[in-house]
Amino acid sequence: MSDEVFAQWSQLVYGRPLEAAEAAAVLATLPPVEDSIGTFATITEILEGIPVPELPRDGDCLKWAPVVSEDLYNADYDDARTVTVVGWLAGEVIGFMHKATKVGSLIVDCTARQFDPRLPLRWVVAQEEYEFLLAKVTGVERVEAGE
């Protein structure tokens, strides 16, 4: 994770940039991303060619998640698929439903900015981190990115 991305992440999660010692402790707890089907750089390069909206609106995920999934699949990411992302409020009450792309252990979301404009335009992140951060910015109890 680059310093800039980490600074944005820590601002979203903790409400402030973290000091160096705090940052090192947090980074040590993040799960490693094992992308056995390609590299993060290759995925982000493919995404650059997709003209996703700068400020997505509710429902844009229905259009763009399948486009992202298809483009990645056509680029030999054979397990790229559109998944439903559910934000759960307390108990089993659904707070929101959303669409994104899953590739290996990564989630690719090009419309997450509808929830918070500080999120990356073309967000590629480990699934656990995605679920944690999206829950944080949307205020739901938990997020699950499944089938």
N, C-alpha and C. Protein backbone atom coordinates (compact mmCIF):
# COMPACT_ATOMS: atom_id res chain seq x y z
N MET A 1 0.86 -1.16 0.00
CA MET A 1 0.00 0.00 0.00
C MET A 1 0.91 1.22 0.00
N SER A 2 0.66 2.15 -0.93
CA SER A 2 1.51 3.33 -1.01
C SER A 2 1.24 4.24 0.18
N ASP A 3 2.19 5.15 0.45
CA ASP A 3 2.02 6.08 1.57
C ASP A 3 0.77 6.93 1.39
N GLU A 4 0.51 7.37 0.15
CA GLU A 4 -0.67 8.20 -0.11
C GLU A 4 -1.96 7.43 0.14
N VAL A 5 -2.02 6.20 -0.35
CA VAL A 5 -3.21 5.37 -0.14
C VAL A 5 -3.38 5.07 1.35
N PHE A 6 -2.28 4.76 2.03
CA PHE A 6 -2.38 4.49 3.46
C PHE A 6 -2.88 5.71 4.23
N ALA A 7 -2.41 6.89 3.84
CA ALA A 7 -2.85 8.12 4.52
C ALA A 7 -4.35 8.32 4.32
N GLN A 8 -4.84 8.08 3.11
CA GLN A 8 -6.28 8.19 2.85
C GLN A 8 -7.05 7.14 3.65
N TRP A 9 -6.53 5.93 3.68
CA TRP A 9 -7.16 4.84 4.42
C TRP A 9 -7.23 5.18 5.91
N SER A 10 -6.14 5.64 6.47
CA SER A 10 -6.14 5.93 7.91
C SER A 10 -7.06 7.10 8.23
N GLN A 11 -7.17 8.05 7.31
CA GLN A 11 -8.09 9.17 7.51
C GLN A 11 -9.53 8.65 7.55
N LEU A 12 -9.87 7.72 6.64
CA LEU A 12 -11.22 7.16 6.61
C LEU A 12 -11.51 6.33 7.85
N VAL A 13 -10.56 5.49 8.24
CA VAL A 13 -10.81 4.55 9.34
C VAL A 13 -10.68 5.22 10.71
N TYR A 14 -9.63 6.01 10.89
CA TYR A 14 -9.34 6.57 12.21
C TYR A 14 -9.70 8.05 12.34
N GLY A 15 -10.07 8.67 11.22
CA GLY A 15 -10.43 10.08 11.27
C GLY A 15 -9.24 11.02 11.33
N ARG A 16 -8.05 10.47 11.18
CA ARG A 16 -6.84 11.29 11.21
C ARG A 16 -5.69 10.48 10.62
N PRO A 17 -4.67 11.16 10.11
CA PRO A 17 -3.48 10.42 9.68
C PRO A 17 -2.80 9.79 10.90
N LEU A 18 -2.22 8.63 10.72
CA LEU A 18 -1.56 7.94 11.82
C LEU A 18 -0.09 8.34 11.91
N GLU A 19 0.43 8.33 13.12
CA GLU A 19 1.86 8.54 13.33
C GLU A 19 2.60 7.31 12.81
N ALA A 20 3.90 7.44 12.57
CA ALA A 20 4.70 6.36 11.98
C ALA A 20 4.60 5.05 12.77
N ALA A 21 4.71 5.11 14.10
CA ALA A 21 4.66 3.90 14.92
C ALA A 21 3.27 3.25 14.85
N GLU A 22 2.22 4.08 14.88
CA GLU A 22 0.86 3.56 14.77
C GLU A 22 0.66 2.91 13.40
N ALA A 23 1.15 3.57 12.36
CA ALA A 23 1.00 3.08 11.00
C ALA A 23 1.69 1.72 10.86
N ALA A 24 2.89 1.58 11.39
CA ALA A 24 3.62 0.32 11.30
C ALA A 24 2.84 -0.80 12.01
N ALA A 25 2.26 -0.49 13.16
CA ALA A 25 1.49 -1.48 13.90
C ALA A 25 0.25 -1.91 13.12
N VAL A 26 -0.43 -0.96 12.50
CA VAL A 26 -1.63 -1.27 11.72
C VAL A 26 -1.26 -2.09 10.50
N LEU A 27 -0.22 -1.69 9.77
CA LEU A 27 0.18 -2.41 8.56
C LEU A 27 0.57 -3.85 8.88
N ALA A 28 1.14 -4.07 10.05
CA ALA A 28 1.55 -5.42 10.44
C ALA A 28 0.35 -6.34 10.65
N THR A 29 -0.83 -5.75 10.92
CA THR A 29 -2.02 -6.57 11.17
C THR A 29 -2.83 -6.85 9.92
N LEU A 30 -2.56 -6.12 8.81
CA LEU A 30 -3.33 -6.33 7.59
C LEU A 30 -2.96 -7.66 6.96
N PRO A 31 -3.95 -8.38 6.46
CA PRO A 31 -3.65 -9.67 5.83
C PRO A 31 -2.92 -9.45 4.51
N PRO A 32 -2.01 -10.36 4.16
CA PRO A 32 -1.32 -10.22 2.88
C PRO A 32 -2.29 -10.50 1.73
N VAL A 33 -2.10 -9.81 0.64
CA VAL A 33 -2.92 -10.05 -0.54
C VAL A 33 -2.16 -11.01 -1.43
N GLU A 34 -2.73 -12.18 -1.65
CA GLU A 34 -2.11 -13.15 -2.53
C GLU A 34 -2.92 -13.21 -3.80
N ASP A 35 -2.40 -12.60 -4.83
CA ASP A 35 -3.09 -12.54 -6.11
C ASP A 35 -2.40 -13.50 -7.05
N SER A 36 -2.87 -14.73 -7.10
CA SER A 36 -2.20 -15.77 -7.86
C SER A 36 -2.49 -15.69 -9.35
N ILE A 37 -3.40 -14.83 -9.78
CA ILE A 37 -3.76 -14.79 -11.19
C ILE A 37 -3.21 -13.58 -11.92
N GLY A 38 -2.45 -12.77 -11.31
CA GLY A 38 -1.91 -11.59 -11.96
C GLY A 38 -1.44 -10.60 -10.93
N THR A 39 -1.15 -9.43 -11.36
CA THR A 39 -0.65 -8.43 -10.43
C THR A 39 -1.63 -7.28 -10.29
N PHE A 40 -1.52 -6.63 -9.16
CA PHE A 40 -2.32 -5.44 -8.88
C PHE A 40 -2.11 -4.41 -9.98
N ALA A 41 -0.87 -4.23 -10.41
CA ALA A 41 -0.54 -3.24 -11.44
C ALA A 41 -1.25 -3.55 -12.75
N THR A 42 -1.32 -4.82 -13.12
CA THR A 42 -1.99 -5.20 -14.35
C THR A 42 -3.48 -4.89 -14.27
N ILE A 43 -4.09 -5.20 -13.15
CA ILE A 43 -5.51 -4.92 -12.99
C ILE A 43 -5.77 -3.42 -13.06
N THR A 44 -4.99 -2.63 -12.37
CA THR A 44 -5.21 -1.18 -12.39
C THR A 44 -4.96 -0.61 -13.79
N GLU A 45 -4.04 -1.19 -14.52
CA GLU A 45 -3.80 -0.75 -15.89
C GLU A 45 -5.02 -1.01 -16.77
N ILE A 46 -5.63 -2.17 -16.63
CA ILE A 46 -6.85 -2.50 -17.38
C ILE A 46 -7.97 -1.54 -17.00
N LEU A 47 -8.08 -1.24 -15.71
CA LEU A 47 -9.16 -0.36 -15.24
C LEU A 47 -9.04 1.05 -15.79
N GLU A 48 -7.82 1.50 -16.05
CA GLU A 48 -7.62 2.85 -16.58
C GLU A 48 -8.35 3.05 -17.90
N GLY A 49 -8.57 1.98 -18.66
CA GLY A 49 -9.26 2.07 -19.94
C GLY A 49 -10.77 2.06 -19.83
N ILE A 50 -11.30 1.96 -18.63
CA ILE A 50 -12.75 1.92 -18.43
C ILE A 50 -13.20 3.30 -17.95
N PRO A 51 -14.06 3.97 -18.72
CA PRO A 51 -14.47 5.35 -18.38
C PRO A 51 -15.54 5.41 -17.29
N VAL A 52 -15.19 5.01 -16.09
CA VAL A 52 -16.17 5.00 -14.99
C VAL A 52 -16.50 6.43 -14.56
N PRO A 53 -17.68 6.65 -13.99
CA PRO A 53 -18.08 8.00 -13.59
C PRO A 53 -17.26 8.51 -12.39
N GLU A 54 -16.86 9.77 -12.47
CA GLU A 54 -16.11 10.40 -11.36
C GLU A 54 -16.95 10.44 -10.08
N LEU A 55 -18.22 10.76 -10.22
CA LEU A 55 -19.13 10.83 -9.08
C LEU A 55 -20.32 9.91 -9.35
N PRO A 56 -20.15 8.63 -9.06
CA PRO A 56 -21.24 7.68 -9.35
C PRO A 56 -22.47 7.95 -8.48
N ARG A 57 -23.60 7.57 -9.03
CA ARG A 57 -24.88 7.70 -8.32
C ARG A 57 -25.38 6.31 -7.96
N ASP A 58 -26.38 6.29 -7.11
CA ASP A 58 -27.02 5.04 -6.73
C ASP A 58 -27.49 4.33 -7.99
N GLY A 59 -27.13 3.08 -8.15
CA GLY A 59 -27.53 2.30 -9.31
C GLY A 59 -26.47 2.19 -10.39
N ASP A 60 -25.46 3.06 -10.37
CA ASP A 60 -24.40 2.99 -11.38
C ASP A 60 -23.65 1.67 -11.31
N CYS A 61 -23.61 1.06 -10.14
CA CYS A 61 -22.91 -0.22 -10.00
C CYS A 61 -23.53 -1.31 -10.88
N LEU A 62 -24.83 -1.19 -11.15
CA LEU A 62 -25.51 -2.18 -11.99
C LEU A 62 -24.98 -2.15 -13.42
N LYS A 63 -24.52 -1.01 -13.85
CA LYS A 63 -23.94 -0.87 -15.19
C LYS A 63 -22.45 -1.19 -15.19
N TRP A 64 -21.70 -0.63 -14.23
CA TRP A 64 -20.24 -0.66 -14.31
C TRP A 64 -19.61 -1.92 -13.76
N ALA A 65 -20.17 -2.56 -12.75
CA ALA A 65 -19.56 -3.79 -12.23
C ALA A 65 -19.50 -4.88 -13.29
N PRO A 66 -20.58 -5.12 -14.06
CA PRO A 66 -20.48 -6.13 -15.12
C PRO A 66 -19.47 -5.76 -16.22
N VAL A 67 -19.34 -4.48 -16.53
CA VAL A 67 -18.35 -4.03 -17.52
C VAL A 67 -16.94 -4.35 -17.03
N VAL A 68 -16.67 -4.03 -15.76
CA VAL A 68 -15.36 -4.31 -15.17
C VAL A 68 -15.10 -5.81 -15.16
N SER A 69 -16.09 -6.59 -14.74
CA SER A 69 -15.93 -8.05 -14.70
C SER A 69 -15.62 -8.60 -16.08
N GLU A 70 -16.36 -8.15 -17.08
CA GLU A 70 -16.15 -8.64 -18.44
C GLU A 70 -14.78 -8.26 -18.99
N ASP A 71 -14.37 -7.00 -18.76
CA ASP A 71 -13.05 -6.56 -19.24
C ASP A 71 -11.92 -7.35 -18.58
N LEU A 72 -12.03 -7.61 -17.29
CA LEU A 72 -11.00 -8.39 -16.60
C LEU A 72 -11.03 -9.85 -17.06
N TYR A 73 -12.22 -10.39 -17.24
CA TYR A 73 -12.33 -11.76 -17.74
C TYR A 73 -11.69 -11.88 -19.12
N ASN A 74 -11.97 -10.92 -19.99
CA ASN A 74 -11.40 -10.91 -21.34
C ASN A 74 -9.89 -10.70 -21.34
N ALA A 75 -9.36 -10.19 -20.24
CA ALA A 75 -7.91 -10.00 -20.10
C ALA A 75 -7.27 -11.20 -19.39
N ASP A 76 -7.95 -12.36 -19.44
CA ASP A 76 -7.46 -13.62 -18.89
C ASP A 76 -7.52 -13.73 -17.37
N TYR A 77 -8.35 -12.92 -16.73
CA TYR A 77 -8.64 -13.11 -15.30
C TYR A 77 -9.90 -13.97 -15.26
N ASP A 78 -9.70 -15.28 -15.41
CA ASP A 78 -10.82 -16.21 -15.60
C ASP A 78 -11.80 -16.27 -14.45
N ASP A 79 -11.40 -15.86 -13.26
CA ASP A 79 -12.34 -15.91 -12.14
C ASP A 79 -12.95 -14.54 -11.83
N ALA A 80 -12.77 -13.57 -12.72
CA ALA A 80 -13.41 -12.26 -12.52
C ALA A 80 -14.92 -12.43 -12.66
N ARG A 81 -15.64 -11.97 -11.64
CA ARG A 81 -17.10 -12.08 -11.68
C ARG A 81 -17.74 -10.97 -10.86
N THR A 82 -18.93 -10.62 -11.25
CA THR A 82 -19.69 -9.61 -10.52
C THR A 82 -20.29 -10.25 -9.28
N VAL A 83 -20.13 -9.58 -8.15
CA VAL A 83 -20.68 -10.08 -6.89
C VAL A 83 -21.60 -9.04 -6.26
N THR A 84 -22.48 -9.52 -5.42
CA THR A 84 -23.35 -8.63 -4.66
C THR A 84 -22.68 -8.31 -3.33
N VAL A 85 -22.67 -7.04 -3.01
CA VAL A 85 -22.10 -6.55 -1.75
C VAL A 85 -23.28 -6.10 -0.89
N VAL A 86 -23.36 -6.64 0.31
CA VAL A 86 -24.49 -6.31 1.19
C VAL A 86 -23.96 -5.63 2.43
N GLY A 87 -24.54 -4.48 2.75
CA GLY A 87 -24.24 -3.78 4.00
C GLY A 87 -25.35 -4.10 4.99
N TRP A 88 -24.94 -4.70 6.11
CA TRP A 88 -25.91 -5.14 7.11
C TRP A 88 -25.96 -4.17 8.28
N LEU A 89 -27.17 -3.76 8.64
CA LEU A 89 -27.39 -2.99 9.85
C LEU A 89 -27.46 -3.97 11.01
N ALA A 90 -27.82 -3.53 12.18
CA ALA A 90 -27.93 -4.42 13.32
C ALA A 90 -28.84 -5.60 13.00
N GLY A 91 -28.42 -6.78 13.41
CA GLY A 91 -29.21 -7.97 13.13
C GLY A 91 -29.13 -8.33 11.66
N GLU A 92 -30.25 -8.69 11.08
CA GLU A 92 -30.29 -9.11 9.69
C GLU A 92 -31.05 -8.12 8.81
N VAL A 93 -30.91 -6.84 9.12
CA VAL A 93 -31.57 -5.79 8.34
C VAL A 93 -30.57 -5.28 7.31
N ILE A 94 -30.99 -5.28 6.04
CA ILE A 94 -30.11 -4.83 4.97
C ILE A 94 -30.09 -3.31 4.91
N GLY A 95 -28.88 -2.75 4.95
CA GLY A 95 -28.71 -1.30 4.85
C GLY A 95 -28.55 -0.87 3.40
N PHE A 96 -27.85 -1.68 2.62
CA PHE A 96 -27.70 -1.41 1.19
C PHE A 96 -27.26 -2.67 0.47
N MET A 97 -27.51 -2.67 -0.84
CA MET A 97 -26.99 -3.71 -1.73
C MET A 97 -26.25 -2.99 -2.84
N HIS A 98 -25.15 -3.58 -3.28
CA HIS A 98 -24.24 -2.93 -4.21
C HIS A 98 -23.63 -4.02 -5.08
N LYS A 99 -23.05 -3.66 -6.20
CA LYS A 99 -22.37 -4.61 -7.08
C LYS A 99 -20.91 -4.18 -7.25
N ALA A 100 -20.02 -5.17 -7.26
CA ALA A 100 -18.59 -4.94 -7.49
C ALA A 100 -18.06 -6.18 -8.21
N THR A 101 -16.77 -6.20 -8.45
CA THR A 101 -16.13 -7.33 -9.14
C THR A 101 -15.18 -8.01 -8.18
N LYS A 102 -15.19 -9.34 -8.19
CA LYS A 102 -14.24 -10.12 -7.40
C LYS A 102 -13.28 -10.81 -8.35
N VAL A 103 -11.99 -10.70 -8.06
CA VAL A 103 -10.94 -11.35 -8.83
C VAL A 103 -9.98 -11.97 -7.83
N GLY A 104 -9.99 -13.28 -7.72
CA GLY A 104 -9.15 -13.92 -6.71
C GLY A 104 -9.54 -13.43 -5.33
N SER A 105 -8.57 -12.93 -4.58
CA SER A 105 -8.83 -12.41 -3.23
C SER A 105 -9.08 -10.91 -3.22
N LEU A 106 -9.22 -10.32 -4.41
CA LEU A 106 -9.38 -8.87 -4.53
C LEU A 106 -10.82 -8.50 -4.87
N ILE A 107 -11.21 -7.31 -4.41
CA ILE A 107 -12.47 -6.70 -4.85
C ILE A 107 -12.09 -5.46 -5.66
N VAL A 108 -12.75 -5.32 -6.80
CA VAL A 108 -12.56 -4.17 -7.67
C VAL A 108 -13.89 -3.42 -7.68
N ASP A 109 -13.87 -2.16 -7.26
CA ASP A 109 -15.10 -1.38 -7.18
C ASP A 109 -14.87 -0.02 -7.81
N CYS A 110 -15.54 0.24 -8.91
CA CYS A 110 -15.39 1.51 -9.62
C CYS A 110 -16.55 2.47 -9.37
N THR A 111 -17.43 2.12 -8.45
CA THR A 111 -18.55 3.02 -8.12
C THR A 111 -18.71 3.22 -6.62
N ALA A 112 -17.71 2.86 -5.84
CA ALA A 112 -17.80 3.01 -4.37
C ALA A 112 -17.88 4.46 -3.93
N ARG A 113 -17.47 5.37 -4.81
CA ARG A 113 -17.52 6.79 -4.44
C ARG A 113 -18.94 7.28 -4.19
N GLN A 114 -19.94 6.52 -4.60
CA GLN A 114 -21.31 6.93 -4.29
C GLN A 114 -21.54 6.93 -2.78
N PHE A 115 -20.75 6.14 -2.05
CA PHE A 115 -20.86 6.07 -0.59
C PHE A 115 -20.03 7.14 0.10
N ASP A 116 -18.87 7.45 -0.48
CA ASP A 116 -17.98 8.46 0.10
C ASP A 116 -17.02 8.92 -1.00
N PRO A 117 -17.05 10.20 -1.37
CA PRO A 117 -16.21 10.67 -2.47
C PRO A 117 -14.71 10.59 -2.20
N ARG A 118 -14.32 10.28 -0.97
CA ARG A 118 -12.88 10.12 -0.66
C ARG A 118 -12.36 8.75 -1.07
N LEU A 119 -13.25 7.83 -1.38
CA LEU A 119 -12.81 6.50 -1.81
C LEU A 119 -12.18 6.59 -3.19
N PRO A 120 -11.29 5.65 -3.51
CA PRO A 120 -10.63 5.67 -4.83
C PRO A 120 -11.62 5.52 -5.97
N LEU A 121 -11.32 6.16 -7.09
CA LEU A 121 -12.18 6.06 -8.27
C LEU A 121 -12.20 4.64 -8.80
N ARG A 122 -11.05 4.02 -8.87
CA ARG A 122 -10.92 2.63 -9.31
C ARG A 122 -10.26 1.87 -8.14
N TRP A 123 -11.10 1.33 -7.28
CA TRP A 123 -10.64 0.76 -6.01
C TRP A 123 -10.36 -0.73 -6.18
N VAL A 124 -9.10 -1.10 -5.96
CA VAL A 124 -8.67 -2.50 -6.01
C VAL A 124 -8.06 -2.80 -4.65
N VAL A 125 -8.64 -3.74 -3.93
CA VAL A 125 -8.24 -3.96 -2.55
C VAL A 125 -8.58 -5.40 -2.13
N ALA A 126 -7.86 -5.90 -1.13
CA ALA A 126 -8.18 -7.22 -0.57
C ALA A 126 -9.61 -7.22 -0.05
N GLN A 127 -10.30 -8.34 -0.21
CA GLN A 127 -11.70 -8.42 0.18
C GLN A 127 -11.94 -8.05 1.64
N GLU A 128 -11.11 -8.56 2.55
CA GLU A 128 -11.31 -8.26 3.97
C GLU A 128 -11.20 -6.77 4.25
N GLU A 129 -10.22 -6.13 3.62
CA GLU A 129 -10.03 -4.69 3.82
C GLU A 129 -11.19 -3.92 3.21
N TYR A 130 -11.65 -4.34 2.04
CA TYR A 130 -12.79 -3.70 1.37
C TYR A 130 -14.02 -3.74 2.29
N GLU A 131 -14.34 -4.93 2.80
CA GLU A 131 -15.52 -5.07 3.64
C GLU A 131 -15.40 -4.21 4.90
N PHE A 132 -14.22 -4.20 5.51
CA PHE A 132 -14.01 -3.41 6.72
C PHE A 132 -14.17 -1.91 6.43
N LEU A 133 -13.50 -1.42 5.39
CA LEU A 133 -13.54 0.01 5.09
C LEU A 133 -14.92 0.47 4.61
N LEU A 134 -15.57 -0.33 3.78
CA LEU A 134 -16.90 0.06 3.30
C LEU A 134 -17.90 0.11 4.46
N ALA A 135 -17.79 -0.81 5.40
CA ALA A 135 -18.65 -0.76 6.58
C ALA A 135 -18.38 0.52 7.37
N LYS A 136 -17.12 0.88 7.48
CA LYS A 136 -16.74 2.07 8.24
C LYS A 136 -17.32 3.34 7.60
N VAL A 137 -17.17 3.49 6.29
CA VAL A 137 -17.62 4.73 5.65
C VAL A 137 -19.13 4.79 5.48
N THR A 138 -19.81 3.65 5.45
CA THR A 138 -21.27 3.66 5.29
C THR A 138 -22.01 3.60 6.62
N GLY A 139 -21.31 3.24 7.69
CA GLY A 139 -21.94 3.21 9.00
C GLY A 139 -22.77 1.97 9.29
N VAL A 140 -22.61 0.94 8.47
CA VAL A 140 -23.33 -0.31 8.74
C VAL A 140 -22.50 -1.18 9.69
N GLU A 141 -23.16 -2.21 10.24
CA GLU A 141 -22.47 -3.09 11.18
C GLU A 141 -21.41 -3.94 10.50
N ARG A 142 -21.75 -4.46 9.30
CA ARG A 142 -20.78 -5.27 8.56
C ARG A 142 -21.13 -5.25 7.08
N VAL A 143 -20.14 -5.58 6.27
CA VAL A 143 -20.32 -5.69 4.82
C VAL A 143 -19.84 -7.07 4.40
N GLU A 144 -20.60 -7.68 3.50
CA GLU A 144 -20.21 -8.99 2.95
C GLU A 144 -20.25 -8.90 1.43
N ALA A 145 -19.14 -9.23 0.81
CA ALA A 145 -19.08 -9.29 -0.66
C ALA A 145 -19.13 -10.76 -1.03
N GLY A 146 -20.28 -11.19 -1.52
CA GLY A 146 -20.46 -12.61 -1.82
C GLY A 146 -20.86 -12.83 -3.25
N GLU A 147 -21.57 -13.89 -3.47
CA GLU A 147 -22.00 -14.22 -4.83
C GLU A 147 -23.18 -13.36 -5.15
